[in-house]
N, C-alpha and C. Protein backbone atom coordinates (compact mmCIF):
# COMPACT_ATOMS: atom_id res chain seq x y z
N UNK A 1 158.03 135.77 -50.03
CA UNK A 1 159.09 135.87 -50.76
C UNK A 1 158.65 136.69 -52.08
N UNK A 2 159.57 137.57 -52.32
CA UNK A 2 159.29 138.54 -53.46
C UNK A 2 159.48 137.86 -54.88
N UNK A 3 158.54 138.43 -55.73
CA UNK A 3 158.66 137.83 -57.22
C UNK A 3 160.01 138.41 -57.90
N UNK A 4 160.79 137.50 -58.59
CA UNK A 4 161.90 137.99 -59.09
C UNK A 4 161.63 138.84 -60.35
N UNK A 5 162.51 139.72 -60.71
CA UNK A 5 162.34 140.49 -61.85
C UNK A 5 163.25 140.16 -63.02
N UNK A 6 163.17 140.76 -64.06
CA UNK A 6 164.10 140.37 -65.14
C UNK A 6 165.45 140.88 -64.87
N UNK A 7 165.58 142.03 -63.95
CA UNK A 7 166.91 142.42 -63.77
C UNK A 7 167.67 142.08 -62.56
N UNK A 8 167.15 141.14 -61.79
CA UNK A 8 167.79 140.60 -60.93
C UNK A 8 168.88 139.55 -61.32
N UNK A 9 169.97 139.69 -60.75
CA UNK A 9 171.21 138.80 -61.10
C UNK A 9 171.00 137.53 -60.40
N UNK A 10 170.59 137.53 -59.19
CA UNK A 10 170.47 136.32 -58.45
C UNK A 10 169.18 135.57 -58.57
N UNK A 11 169.21 134.35 -58.92
CA UNK A 11 167.78 133.53 -58.97
C UNK A 11 167.49 133.14 -57.71
N UNK A 12 166.05 133.10 -57.36
CA UNK A 12 165.45 132.69 -56.08
C UNK A 12 166.11 131.33 -55.66
N UNK A 13 166.26 130.98 -54.36
CA UNK A 13 166.79 129.78 -53.87
C UNK A 13 165.91 128.59 -54.24
N UNK A 14 164.57 128.74 -54.40
CA UNK A 14 163.74 127.65 -54.84
C UNK A 14 164.06 127.16 -56.26
N UNK A 15 164.52 128.07 -57.18
CA UNK A 15 164.82 127.57 -58.43
C UNK A 15 166.15 126.75 -58.41
N UNK A 16 166.99 127.40 -57.53
CA UNK A 16 168.42 126.77 -57.53
C UNK A 16 168.23 125.25 -56.97
N UNK A 17 167.46 125.18 -55.91
CA UNK A 17 167.25 123.75 -55.21
C UNK A 17 166.69 122.80 -56.37
N UNK A 18 165.51 123.34 -57.06
CA UNK A 18 165.04 122.43 -57.99
C UNK A 18 165.90 122.10 -59.15
N UNK A 19 166.71 123.03 -59.57
CA UNK A 19 167.64 122.80 -60.56
C UNK A 19 168.70 121.74 -60.14
N UNK A 20 169.14 121.88 -59.01
CA UNK A 20 170.18 120.90 -58.45
C UNK A 20 169.68 119.70 -58.16
N UNK A 21 168.48 119.45 -57.68
CA UNK A 21 167.67 118.13 -57.80
C UNK A 21 167.54 117.51 -58.97
N UNK A 22 167.17 118.34 -59.99
CA UNK A 22 166.92 117.68 -61.35
C UNK A 22 168.29 117.27 -62.00
N UNK A 23 169.42 118.00 -61.65
CA UNK A 23 170.73 117.76 -62.19
C UNK A 23 171.14 116.38 -61.55
N UNK A 24 170.79 116.20 -60.31
CA UNK A 24 171.15 114.93 -59.59
C UNK A 24 170.41 113.88 -60.16
N UNK A 25 169.23 113.86 -60.36
CA UNK A 25 168.47 112.86 -61.04
C UNK A 25 168.97 112.52 -62.39
N UNK A 26 169.22 113.52 -63.22
CA UNK A 26 169.58 113.26 -64.59
C UNK A 26 171.08 112.60 -64.53
N UNK A 27 171.87 113.06 -63.47
CA UNK A 27 173.24 112.36 -63.51
C UNK A 27 173.15 111.00 -63.03
N UNK A 28 172.22 110.66 -62.12
CA UNK A 28 171.93 109.16 -61.65
C UNK A 28 171.52 108.33 -62.82
N UNK A 29 170.63 108.92 -63.56
CA UNK A 29 170.03 108.18 -64.64
C UNK A 29 171.18 107.95 -65.78
N UNK A 30 171.98 108.93 -65.98
CA UNK A 30 173.21 108.60 -66.85
C UNK A 30 174.19 107.56 -66.36
N UNK A 31 174.36 107.56 -65.07
CA UNK A 31 175.16 106.54 -64.44
C UNK A 31 174.61 105.10 -64.69
N UNK A 32 173.26 105.05 -64.25
CA UNK A 32 172.58 103.78 -64.48
C UNK A 32 172.68 103.29 -65.87
N UNK A 33 172.46 104.14 -66.92
CA UNK A 33 172.45 103.60 -68.31
C UNK A 33 173.96 103.26 -68.63
N UNK A 34 174.93 103.87 -68.13
CA UNK A 34 176.32 103.71 -68.46
C UNK A 34 176.69 102.45 -67.87
N UNK A 35 176.10 102.21 -66.68
CA UNK A 35 176.55 100.83 -66.02
C UNK A 35 175.83 99.62 -66.79
N UNK A 36 174.64 99.89 -67.19
CA UNK A 36 174.04 98.69 -68.05
C UNK A 36 174.53 98.62 -69.41
N UNK A 37 175.10 99.63 -70.00
CA UNK A 37 175.70 99.56 -71.31
C UNK A 37 177.06 98.87 -71.04
N UNK A 38 177.75 99.04 -70.05
CA UNK A 38 179.01 98.47 -69.65
C UNK A 38 178.93 96.93 -69.36
N UNK A 39 177.77 96.59 -68.76
CA UNK A 39 177.38 95.13 -68.44
C UNK A 39 177.18 94.35 -69.67
N UNK A 40 176.56 94.80 -70.73
CA UNK A 40 176.22 94.02 -71.77
C UNK A 40 177.25 93.84 -72.70
N UNK A 41 177.31 92.64 -73.48
CA UNK A 41 178.47 92.28 -74.36
C UNK A 41 178.08 92.89 -75.78
N UNK A 42 179.02 92.88 -76.61
CA UNK A 42 178.91 93.42 -77.97
C UNK A 42 177.80 92.68 -78.70
N UNK A 43 177.63 91.33 -78.35
CA UNK A 43 176.66 90.61 -79.12
C UNK A 43 175.39 91.11 -78.74
N UNK A 44 175.08 91.27 -77.49
CA UNK A 44 173.81 91.87 -76.83
C UNK A 44 173.45 93.24 -77.49
N UNK A 45 174.49 93.99 -77.56
CA UNK A 45 174.26 95.40 -78.05
C UNK A 45 173.93 95.21 -79.46
N UNK A 46 174.59 94.49 -80.27
CA UNK A 46 174.17 94.39 -81.68
C UNK A 46 172.81 93.74 -81.89
N UNK A 47 172.48 92.81 -81.02
CA UNK A 47 171.10 92.15 -81.10
C UNK A 47 170.03 93.17 -80.76
N UNK A 48 170.16 94.03 -79.79
CA UNK A 48 169.31 95.02 -79.48
C UNK A 48 169.19 96.00 -80.66
N UNK A 49 170.28 96.36 -81.12
CA UNK A 49 170.31 97.28 -82.35
C UNK A 49 169.59 96.78 -83.47
N UNK A 50 169.84 95.67 -83.80
CA UNK A 50 169.07 94.93 -84.96
C UNK A 50 167.64 94.78 -84.75
N UNK A 51 167.21 94.55 -83.52
CA UNK A 51 165.89 94.42 -83.10
C UNK A 51 165.17 95.73 -83.40
N UNK A 52 165.84 96.88 -82.95
CA UNK A 52 165.28 98.23 -83.02
C UNK A 52 165.11 98.51 -84.54
N UNK A 53 166.06 98.21 -85.29
CA UNK A 53 166.01 98.46 -86.70
C UNK A 53 164.86 97.72 -87.38
N UNK A 54 164.58 96.44 -87.08
CA UNK A 54 163.63 95.71 -87.58
C UNK A 54 162.25 96.13 -86.98
N UNK A 55 162.17 96.67 -85.88
CA UNK A 55 160.79 97.29 -85.21
C UNK A 55 160.51 98.45 -86.22
N UNK A 56 161.44 99.42 -86.42
CA UNK A 56 161.28 100.54 -87.33
C UNK A 56 160.81 100.12 -88.65
N UNK A 57 161.52 99.18 -89.22
CA UNK A 57 161.19 98.78 -90.65
C UNK A 57 159.56 98.25 -90.58
N UNK A 58 159.38 97.46 -89.70
CA UNK A 58 157.92 96.94 -89.49
C UNK A 58 156.90 98.08 -89.46
N UNK A 59 157.29 98.95 -88.46
CA UNK A 59 156.22 100.24 -88.47
C UNK A 59 156.15 100.87 -89.62
N UNK A 60 157.31 101.15 -90.45
CA UNK A 60 157.27 101.92 -91.62
C UNK A 60 156.30 100.99 -92.75
N UNK A 61 156.51 99.86 -92.79
CA UNK A 61 155.76 98.95 -93.67
C UNK A 61 154.32 99.06 -93.38
N UNK A 62 154.06 98.81 -92.06
CA UNK A 62 152.62 99.06 -91.65
C UNK A 62 151.89 100.47 -91.91
N UNK A 63 152.75 101.37 -91.83
CA UNK A 63 152.20 102.88 -92.19
C UNK A 63 152.11 102.98 -93.66
N UNK A 64 153.01 102.36 -94.53
CA UNK A 64 152.78 102.41 -95.87
C UNK A 64 151.54 101.56 -96.40
N UNK A 65 151.19 100.62 -95.63
CA UNK A 65 150.07 99.81 -96.09
C UNK A 65 148.79 100.57 -95.76
N UNK A 66 148.75 101.24 -94.58
CA UNK A 66 147.59 102.08 -94.16
C UNK A 66 147.45 103.24 -95.16
N UNK A 67 148.55 103.82 -95.54
CA UNK A 67 148.49 104.93 -96.47
C UNK A 67 147.98 104.41 -97.94
N UNK A 68 148.53 103.26 -98.35
CA UNK A 68 147.96 102.68 -99.57
C UNK A 68 146.38 102.52 -99.55
N UNK A 69 146.03 101.86 -98.29
CA UNK A 69 144.59 101.52 -98.29
C UNK A 69 143.75 102.84 -98.13
N UNK A 70 144.22 103.82 -97.69
CA UNK A 70 143.64 105.23 -97.75
C UNK A 70 143.53 105.64 -99.04
N UNK A 71 144.53 105.66 -99.78
CA UNK A 71 144.36 106.14 -101.14
C UNK A 71 143.61 105.28 -102.06
N UNK A 72 143.50 104.01 -101.91
CA UNK A 72 142.58 103.14 -102.61
C UNK A 72 141.09 103.56 -102.34
N UNK A 73 140.78 103.75 -101.03
CA UNK A 73 139.31 104.20 -100.61
C UNK A 73 139.10 105.62 -101.22
N UNK A 74 140.07 106.46 -101.21
CA UNK A 74 139.88 107.67 -101.70
C UNK A 74 139.51 107.88 -103.11
N UNK A 75 140.31 106.88 -104.02
CA UNK A 75 140.15 106.82 -105.31
C UNK A 75 138.76 106.17 -105.62
N UNK A 76 138.43 105.17 -104.97
CA UNK A 76 137.12 104.44 -105.05
C UNK A 76 135.98 105.46 -104.77
N UNK A 77 136.10 106.26 -103.85
CA UNK A 77 135.14 107.30 -103.57
C UNK A 77 134.94 108.29 -104.45
N UNK A 78 136.00 108.74 -105.09
CA UNK A 78 135.96 109.78 -106.21
C UNK A 78 135.29 109.11 -107.43
N UNK A 79 135.39 107.95 -107.62
CA UNK A 79 134.80 107.27 -108.66
C UNK A 79 133.32 107.17 -108.58
N UNK A 80 132.96 106.94 -107.28
CA UNK A 80 131.46 106.96 -106.94
C UNK A 80 130.84 108.25 -107.12
N UNK A 81 131.63 109.26 -106.81
CA UNK A 81 131.00 110.56 -106.87
C UNK A 81 130.88 110.99 -108.48
N UNK A 82 131.80 110.65 -109.23
CA UNK A 82 131.69 110.97 -110.64
C UNK A 82 130.63 110.16 -111.36
């Protein structure tokens, strides 16, 4: 098969097939997610949302603690050097 150039208007058939299969997979994933979302009730949806928010806050808090410990060690090291 010849290598395509920038000036060719038609894309090679291999690219068209891979694009089509990727589109089919993406469509199926979207359908599965839509089915799952439609199955769950509002209460389950809000519970998942609250749990995700709590996880984010916990991670942020842990990151703040690590950052605080870093600056304490840095300050103590500077004092030792002085």
